[in-house]
Amino acid sequence: MPDPDQRGVAEPLLRVVHGDATPDELAALIAVLAARAGAAAATGSNDQPRPAWQDRARYLRTTLPHGPGAWRASAWPH
């Protein structure tokens, strides 16, 4: 929760910056955000990237070079 300002009132977590949202629309938005946060907490997922050593894409083969001397370059490490 954000720290209260000098008057003892905390800043709102959501703010409508354009348009005029009805209380029903705000309730629907909060319900969706709460459900998404609950699902992420239940699966234990976080939006942080994986370390490079866990990246499975590095096991995929890259394309071979084309052109003169390509056969020689194909054996060189990339």
PDB file of N, CA and C in Angstrom:
ATOM      1  N   MET A   1       0.860  -1.172   0.000  1.00  0.00           N
ATOM      2  CA  MET A   1       0.000   0.000   0.000  1.00  0.00           C
ATOM      3  C   MET A   1       0.904   1.231   0.000  1.00  0.00           C
ATOM      4  N   PRO A   2       0.560   2.249  -0.781  1.00  0.00           N
ATOM      5  CA  PRO A   2       1.405   3.431  -0.838  1.00  0.00           C
ATOM      6  C   PRO A   2       1.428   4.173   0.490  1.00  0.00           C
ATOM      7  N   ASP A   3       2.510   4.877   0.697  1.00  0.00           N
ATOM      8  CA  ASP A   3       2.622   5.676   1.914  1.00  0.00           C
ATOM      9  C   ASP A   3       1.612   6.821   1.883  1.00  0.00           C
ATOM     10  N   PRO A   4       1.022   7.129   3.014  1.00  0.00           N
ATOM     11  CA  PRO A   4       0.097   8.259   3.042  1.00  0.00           C
ATOM     12  C   PRO A   4       0.856   9.566   2.839  1.00  0.00           C
ATOM     13  N   ASP A   5       0.165  10.505   2.233  1.00  0.00           N
ATOM     14  CA  ASP A   5       0.796  11.816   2.057  1.00  0.00           C
ATOM     15  C   ASP A   5       0.684  12.613   3.350  1.00  0.00           C
ATOM     16  N   GLN A   6       0.954  13.877   3.319  1.00  0.00           N
ATOM     17  CA  GLN A   6       1.020  14.703   4.531  1.00  0.00           C
ATOM     18  C   GLN A   6      -0.324  14.815   5.241  1.00  0.00           C
ATOM     19  N   ARG A   7      -1.416  14.647   4.524  1.00  0.00           N
ATOM     20  CA  ARG A   7      -2.737  14.748   5.152  1.00  0.00           C
ATOM     21  C   ARG A   7      -3.203  13.428   5.738  1.00  0.00           C
ATOM     22  N   GLY A   8      -2.408  12.363   5.593  1.00  0.00           N
ATOM     23  CA  GLY A   8      -2.806  11.069   6.127  1.00  0.00           C
ATOM     24  C   GLY A   8      -3.686  10.280   5.185  1.00  0.00           C
ATOM     25  N   VAL A   9      -3.789  10.697   3.919  1.00  0.00           N
ATOM     26  CA  VAL A   9      -4.620  10.016   2.929  1.00  0.00           C
ATOM     27  C   VAL A   9      -3.699   9.349   1.918  1.00  0.00           C
ATOM     28  N   ALA A  10      -3.927   8.067   1.678  1.00  0.00           N
ATOM     29  CA  ALA A  10      -3.108   7.340   0.707  1.00  0.00           C
ATOM     30  C   ALA A  10      -3.540   7.688  -0.713  1.00  0.00           C
ATOM     31  N   GLU A  11      -2.586   7.653  -1.645  1.00  0.00           N
ATOM     32  CA  GLU A  11      -2.913   7.896  -3.048  1.00  0.00           C
ATOM     33  C   GLU A  11      -3.703   6.708  -3.586  1.00  0.00           C
ATOM     34  N   PRO A  12      -4.632   6.931  -4.511  1.00  0.00           N
ATOM     35  CA  PRO A  12      -5.411   5.819  -5.060  1.00  0.00           C
ATOM     36  C   PRO A  12      -4.539   4.920  -5.928  1.00  0.00           C
ATOM     37  N   LEU A  13      -4.879   3.631  -5.957  1.00  0.00           N
ATOM     38  CA  LEU A  13      -4.139   2.691  -6.784  1.00  0.00           C
ATOM     39  C   LEU A  13      -4.509   2.830  -8.256  1.00  0.00           C
ATOM     40  N   LEU A  14      -5.747   3.191  -8.538  1.00  0.00           N
ATOM     41  CA  LEU A  14      -6.228   3.389  -9.899  1.00  0.00           C
ATOM     42  C   LEU A  14      -6.740   4.807 -10.053  1.00  0.00           C
ATOM     43  N   ARG A  15      -6.569   5.320 -11.267  1.00  0.00           N
ATOM     44  CA  ARG A  15      -7.055   6.666 -11.536  1.00  0.00           C
ATOM     45  C   ARG A  15      -7.568   6.707 -12.968  1.00  0.00           C
ATOM     46  N   VAL A  16      -8.764   7.229 -13.190  1.00  0.00           N
ATOM     47  CA  VAL A  16      -9.317   7.380 -14.528  1.00  0.00           C
ATOM     48  C   VAL A  16      -8.760   8.679 -15.095  1.00  0.00           C
ATOM     49  N   VAL A  17      -7.993   8.560 -16.180  1.00  0.00           N
ATOM     50  CA  VAL A  17      -7.341   9.747 -16.734  1.00  0.00           C
ATOM     51  C   VAL A  17      -8.050  10.270 -17.965  1.00  0.00           C
ATOM     52  N   HIS A  18      -8.924   9.469 -18.564  1.00  0.00           N
ATOM     53  CA  HIS A  18      -9.635   9.929 -19.749  1.00  0.00           C
ATOM     54  C   HIS A  18     -11.021   9.299 -19.751  1.00  0.00           C
ATOM     55  N   GLY A  19     -12.020  10.072 -19.979  1.00  0.00           N
ATOM     56  CA  GLY A  19     -13.378   9.556 -20.006  1.00  0.00           C
ATOM     57  C   GLY A  19     -14.017   9.599 -18.630  1.00  0.00           C
ATOM     58  N   ASP A  20     -15.212   9.040 -18.549  1.00  0.00           N
ATOM     59  CA  ASP A  20     -15.962   9.035 -17.302  1.00  0.00           C
ATOM     60  C   ASP A  20     -16.451   7.613 -17.053  1.00  0.00           C
ATOM     61  N   ALA A  21     -15.731   6.875 -16.231  1.00  0.00           N
ATOM     62  CA  ALA A  21     -16.084   5.487 -15.947  1.00  0.00           C
ATOM     63  C   ALA A  21     -17.184   5.427 -14.891  1.00  0.00           C
ATOM     64  N   THR A  22     -18.116   4.536 -15.119  1.00  0.00           N
ATOM     65  CA  THR A  22     -19.196   4.343 -14.153  1.00  0.00           C
ATOM     66  C   THR A  22     -18.688   3.437 -13.028  1.00  0.00           C
ATOM     67  N   PRO A  23     -19.380   3.439 -11.902  1.00  0.00           N
ATOM     68  CA  PRO A  23     -18.979   2.529 -10.819  1.00  0.00           C
ATOM     69  C   PRO A  23     -18.998   1.062 -11.244  1.00  0.00           C
ATOM     70  N   ASP A  24     -19.926   0.671 -12.132  1.00  0.00           N
ATOM     71  CA  ASP A  24     -19.967  -0.713 -12.619  1.00  0.00           C
ATOM     72  C   ASP A  24     -18.742  -1.047 -13.463  1.00  0.00           C
ATOM     73  N   GLU A  25     -18.311  -0.108 -14.300  1.00  0.00           N
ATOM     74  CA  GLU A  25     -17.120  -0.336 -15.117  1.00  0.00           C
ATOM     75  C   GLU A  25     -15.870  -0.438 -14.253  1.00  0.00           C
ATOM     76  N   LEU A  26     -15.769   0.393 -13.234  1.00  0.00           N
ATOM     77  CA  LEU A  26     -14.625   0.326 -12.329  1.00  0.00           C
ATOM     78  C   LEU A  26     -14.620  -0.985 -11.545  1.00  0.00           C
ATOM     79  N   ALA A  27     -15.803  -1.442 -11.130  1.00  0.00           N
ATOM     80  CA  ALA A  27     -15.893  -2.711 -10.404  1.00  0.00           C
ATOM     81  C   ALA A  27     -15.475  -3.872 -11.295  1.00  0.00           C
ATOM     82  N   ALA A  28     -15.861  -3.835 -12.574  1.00  0.00           N
ATOM     83  CA  ALA A  28     -15.461  -4.894 -13.505  1.00  0.00           C
ATOM     84  C   ALA A  28     -13.950  -4.887 -13.709  1.00  0.00           C
ATOM     85  N   LEU A  29     -13.357  -3.718 -13.830  1.00  0.00           N
ATOM     86  CA  LEU A  29     -11.910  -3.608 -14.003  1.00  0.00           C
ATOM     87  C   LEU A  29     -11.173  -4.147 -12.785  1.00  0.00           C
ATOM     88  N   ILE A  30     -11.629  -3.794 -11.610  1.00  0.00           N
ATOM     89  CA  ILE A  30     -10.986  -4.257 -10.383  1.00  0.00           C
ATOM     90  C   ILE A  30     -11.137  -5.766 -10.242  1.00  0.00           C
ATOM     91  N   ALA A  31     -12.289  -6.320 -10.636  1.00  0.00           N
ATOM     92  CA  ALA A  31     -12.492  -7.766 -10.561  1.00  0.00           C
ATOM     93  C   ALA A  31     -11.533  -8.499 -11.496  1.00  0.00           C
ATOM     94  N   VAL A  32     -11.333  -7.974 -12.692  1.00  0.00           N
ATOM     95  CA  VAL A  32     -10.419  -8.608 -13.648  1.00  0.00           C
ATOM     96  C   VAL A  32      -8.985  -8.543 -13.127  1.00  0.00           C
ATOM     97  N   LEU A  33      -8.567  -7.396 -12.620  1.00  0.00           N
ATOM     98  CA  LEU A  33      -7.208  -7.259 -12.095  1.00  0.00           C
ATOM     99  C   LEU A  33      -6.973  -8.154 -10.884  1.00  0.00           C
ATOM    100  N   ALA A  34      -7.967  -8.271 -10.022  1.00  0.00           N
ATOM    101  CA  ALA A  34      -7.841  -9.129  -8.846  1.00  0.00           C
ATOM    102  C   ALA A  34      -7.777 -10.600  -9.253  1.00  0.00           C
ATOM    103  N   ALA A  35      -8.568 -10.999 -10.252  1.00  0.00           N
ATOM    104  CA  ALA A  35      -8.539 -12.384 -10.715  1.00  0.00           C
ATOM    105  C   ALA A  35      -7.202 -12.711 -11.355  1.00  0.00           C
ATOM    106  N   ARG A  36      -6.667 -11.790 -12.110  1.00  0.00           N
ATOM    107  CA  ARG A  36      -5.363 -12.027 -12.747  1.00  0.00           C
ATOM    108  C   ARG A  36      -4.256 -12.128 -11.696  1.00  0.00           C
ATOM    109  N   ALA A  37      -4.299 -11.267 -10.690  1.00  0.00           N
ATOM    110  CA  ALA A  37      -3.297 -11.325  -9.635  1.00  0.00           C
ATOM    111  C   ALA A  37      -3.435 -12.619  -8.837  1.00  0.00           C
ATOM    112  N   GLY A  38      -4.657 -13.053  -8.607  1.00  0.00           N
ATOM    113  CA  GLY A  38      -4.872 -14.304  -7.881  1.00  0.00           C
ATOM    114  C   GLY A  38      -4.397 -15.513  -8.670  1.00  0.00           C
ATOM    115  N   ALA A  39      -4.620 -15.500  -9.985  1.00  0.00           N
ATOM    116  CA  ALA A  39      -4.164 -16.611 -10.820  1.00  0.00           C
ATOM    117  C   ALA A  39      -2.644 -16.662 -10.868  1.00  0.00           C
ATOM    118  N   ALA A  40      -2.001 -15.513 -10.937  1.00  0.00           N
ATOM    119  CA  ALA A  40      -0.537 -15.477 -10.962  1.00  0.00           C
ATOM    120  C   ALA A  40       0.032 -15.955  -9.633  1.00  0.00           C
ATOM    121  N   ALA A  41      -0.615 -15.611  -8.544  1.00  0.00           N
ATOM    122  CA  ALA A  41      -0.142 -16.051  -7.233  1.00  0.00           C
ATOM    123  C   ALA A  41      -0.351 -17.547  -7.050  1.00  0.00           C
ATOM    124  N   ALA A  42      -1.439 -18.078  -7.602  1.00  0.00           N
ATOM    125  CA  ALA A  42      -1.730 -19.502  -7.457  1.00  0.00           C
ATOM    126  C   ALA A  42      -0.744 -20.361  -8.252  1.00  0.00           C
ATOM    127  N   THR A  43      -0.324 -19.889  -9.409  1.00  0.00           N
ATOM    128  CA  THR A  43       0.613 -20.662 -10.232  1.00  0.00           C
ATOM    129  C   THR A  43       2.052 -20.396  -9.832  1.00  0.00           C
ATOM    130  N   GLY A  44       2.263 -19.379  -9.018  1.00  0.00           N
ATOM    131  CA  GLY A  44       3.615 -19.053  -8.597  1.00  0.00           C
ATOM    132  C   GLY A  44       4.420 -18.378  -9.687  1.00  0.00           C
ATOM    133  N   SER A  45       3.744 -17.907 -10.715  1.00  0.00           N
ATOM    134  CA  SER A  45       4.472 -17.276 -11.814  1.00  0.00           C
ATOM    135  C   SER A  45       4.760 -15.822 -11.481  1.00  0.00           C
ATOM    136  N   ASN A  46       5.847 -15.360 -12.020  1.00  0.00           N
ATOM    137  CA  ASN A  46       6.168 -13.941 -11.940  1.00  0.00           C
ATOM    138  C   ASN A  46       6.598 -13.507 -13.329  1.00  0.00           C
ATOM    139  N   ASP A  47       6.557 -12.242 -13.589  1.00  0.00           N
ATOM    140  CA  ASP A  47       6.839 -11.735 -14.923  1.00  0.00           C
ATOM    141  C   ASP A  47       8.317 -11.413 -15.119  1.00  0.00           C
ATOM    142  N   GLN A  48       9.174 -12.048 -14.356  1.00  0.00           N
ATOM    143  CA  GLN A  48      10.595 -11.819 -14.513  1.00  0.00           C
ATOM    144  C   GLN A  48      11.138 -12.769 -15.567  1.00  0.00           C
ATOM    145  N   PRO A  49      12.086 -12.306 -16.372  1.00  0.00           N
ATOM    146  CA  PRO A  49      12.643 -13.193 -17.398  1.00  0.00           C
ATOM    147  C   PRO A  49      13.470 -14.318 -16.787  1.00  0.00           C
ATOM    148  N   ARG A  50      13.568 -15.401 -17.511  1.00  0.00           N
ATOM    149  CA  ARG A  50      14.370 -16.539 -17.057  1.00  0.00           C
ATOM    150  C   ARG A  50      15.849 -16.242 -17.247  1.00  0.00           C
ATOM    151  N   PRO A  51      16.691 -16.837 -16.438  1.00  0.00           N
ATOM    152  CA  PRO A  51      18.130 -16.697 -16.663  1.00  0.00           C
ATOM    153  C   PRO A  51      18.521 -17.344 -17.998  1.00  0.00           C
ATOM    154  N   ALA A  52      19.632 -16.924 -18.559  1.00  0.00           N
ATOM    155  CA  ALA A  52      20.062 -17.419 -19.866  1.00  0.00           C
ATOM    156  C   ALA A  52      20.290 -18.923 -19.858  1.00  0.00           C
ATOM    157  N   TRP A  53      20.744 -19.481 -18.757  1.00  0.00           N
ATOM    158  CA  TRP A  53      21.024 -20.908 -18.728  1.00  0.00           C
ATOM    159  C   TRP A  53      19.746 -21.740 -18.749  1.00  0.00           C
ATOM    160  N   GLN A  54      18.589 -21.140 -18.473  1.00  0.00           N
ATOM    161  CA  GLN A  54      17.314 -21.852 -18.543  1.00  0.00           C
ATOM    162  C   GLN A  54      16.610 -21.652 -19.878  1.00  0.00           C
ATOM    163  N   ASP A  55      17.155 -20.839 -20.740  1.00  0.00           N
ATOM    164  CA  ASP A  55      16.520 -20.536 -22.024  1.00  0.00           C
ATOM    165  C   ASP A  55      16.672 -21.722 -22.970  1.00  0.00           C
ATOM    166  N   ARG A  56      15.574 -22.360 -23.331  1.00  0.00           N
ATOM    167  CA  ARG A  56      15.613 -23.537 -24.194  1.00  0.00           C
ATOM    168  C   ARG A  56      15.911 -23.170 -25.651  1.00  0.00           C
ATOM    169  N   ALA A  57      15.756 -21.919 -26.024  1.00  0.00           N
ATOM    170  CA  ALA A  57      15.986 -21.504 -27.405  1.00  0.00           C
ATOM    171  C   ALA A  57      17.445 -21.641 -27.805  1.00  0.00           C
ATOM    172  N   ARG A  58      18.348 -21.627 -26.870  1.00  0.00           N
ATOM    173  CA  ARG A  58      19.758 -21.739 -27.244  1.00  0.00           C
ATOM    174  C   ARG A  58      20.130 -23.138 -27.698  1.00  0.00           C
ATOM    175  N   TYR A  59      19.254 -24.128 -27.491  1.00  0.00           N
ATOM    176  CA  TYR A  59      19.507 -25.477 -27.979  1.00  0.00           C
ATOM    177  C   TYR A  59      19.053 -25.667 -29.430  1.00  0.00           C
ATOM    178  N   LEU A  60      18.338 -24.689 -29.969  1.00  0.00           N
ATOM    179  CA  LEU A  60      17.869 -24.788 -31.346  1.00  0.00           C
ATOM    180  C   LEU A  60      19.024 -24.504 -32.306  1.00  0.00           C
ATOM    181  N   ARG A  61      19.026 -25.187 -33.412  1.00  0.00           N
ATOM    182  CA  ARG A  61      20.084 -25.009 -34.398  1.00  0.00           C
ATOM    183  C   ARG A  61      19.858 -23.726 -35.186  1.00  0.00           C
ATOM    184  N   THR A  62      20.910 -23.001 -35.455  1.00  0.00           N
ATOM    185  CA  THR A  62      20.817 -21.786 -36.267  1.00  0.00           C
ATOM    186  C   THR A  62      20.961 -22.165 -37.732  1.00  0.00           C
ATOM    187  N   THR A  63      20.614 -21.244 -38.612  1.00  0.00           N
ATOM    188  CA  THR A  63      20.729 -21.507 -40.044  1.00  0.00           C
ATOM    189  C   THR A  63      22.192 -21.537 -40.449  1.00  0.00           C
ATOM    190  N   LEU A  64      22.475 -22.310 -41.450  1.00  0.00           N
ATOM    191  CA  LEU A  64      23.840 -22.413 -41.942  1.00  0.00           C
ATOM    192  C   LEU A  64      24.150 -21.248 -42.873  1.00  0.00           C
ATOM    193  N   PRO A  65      25.395 -20.782 -42.886  1.00  0.00           N
ATOM    194  CA  PRO A  65      25.747 -19.671 -43.769  1.00  0.00           C
ATOM    195  C   PRO A  65      25.720 -20.115 -45.229  1.00  0.00           C
ATOM    196  N   HIS A  66      25.478 -19.148 -46.126  1.00  0.00           N
ATOM    197  CA  HIS A  66      25.425 -19.404 -47.563  1.00  0.00           C
ATOM    198  C   HIS A  66      26.540 -18.645 -48.251  1.00  0.00           C
ATOM    199  N   GLY A  67      26.911 -19.097 -49.424  1.00  0.00           N
ATOM    200  CA  GLY A  67      27.878 -18.382 -50.233  1.00  0.00           C
ATOM    201  C   GLY A  67      29.226 -19.062 -50.259  1.00  0.00           C
ATOM    202  N   PRO A  68      30.197 -18.382 -50.906  1.00  0.00           N
ATOM    203  CA  PRO A  68      31.537 -18.960 -51.028  1.00  0.00           C
ATOM    204  C   PRO A  68      32.166 -19.173 -49.652  1.00  0.00           C
ATOM    205  N   GLY A  69      32.736 -20.335 -49.443  1.00  0.00           N
ATOM    206  CA  GLY A  69      33.383 -20.660 -48.184  1.00  0.00           C
ATOM    207  C   GLY A  69      32.410 -21.017 -47.073  1.00  0.00           C
ATOM    208  N   ALA A  70      31.145 -21.215 -47.413  1.00  0.00           N
ATOM    209  CA  ALA A  70      30.146 -21.506 -46.386  1.00  0.00           C
ATOM    210  C   ALA A  70      30.401 -22.853 -45.730  1.00  0.00           C
ATOM    211  N   TRP A  71      30.878 -23.818 -46.485  1.00  0.00           N
ATOM    212  CA  TRP A  71      31.140 -25.126 -45.910  1.00  0.00           C
ATOM    213  C   TRP A  71      32.205 -25.031 -44.838  1.00  0.00           C
ATOM    214  N   ARG A  72      33.183 -24.143 -45.033  1.00  0.00           N
ATOM    215  CA  ARG A  72      34.236 -23.966 -44.049  1.00  0.00           C
ATOM    216  C   ARG A  72      33.696 -23.254 -42.803  1.00  0.00           C
ATOM    217  N   ALA A  73      32.857 -22.257 -43.014  1.00  0.00           N
ATOM    218  CA  ALA A  73      32.301 -21.478 -41.901  1.00  0.00           C
ATOM    219  C   ALA A  73      31.269 -22.276 -41.109  1.00  0.00           C
ATOM    220  N   SER A  74      30.713 -23.318 -41.701  1.00  0.00           N
ATOM    221  CA  SER A  74      29.670 -24.081 -40.993  1.00  0.00           C
ATOM    222  C   SER A  74      30.228 -24.847 -39.800  1.00  0.00           C
ATOM    223  N   ALA A  75      31.509 -25.116 -39.785  1.00  0.00           N
ATOM    224  CA  ALA A  75      32.104 -25.855 -38.669  1.00  0.00           C
ATOM    225  C   ALA A  75      32.600 -24.929 -37.557  1.00  0.00           C
ATOM    226  N   TRP A  76      32.645 -23.649 -37.825  1.00  0.00           N
ATOM    227  CA  TRP A  76      33.131 -22.715 -36.804  1.00  0.00           C
ATOM    228  C   TRP A  76      32.061 -22.488 -35.748  1.00  0.00           C
ATOM    229  N   PRO A  77      32.442 -22.344 -34.511  1.00  0.00           N
ATOM    230  CA  PRO A  77      31.435 -22.018 -33.479  1.00  0.00           C
ATOM    231  C   PRO A  77      30.890 -20.611 -33.690  1.00  0.00           C
ATOM    232  N   HIS A  78      29.646 -20.442 -33.374  1.00  0.00           N
ATOM    233  CA  HIS A  78      29.001 -19.127 -33.586  1.00  0.00           C
ATOM    234  C   HIS A  78      29.107 -18.292 -32.357  1.00  0.00           C
TER     235      HIS A  78
END
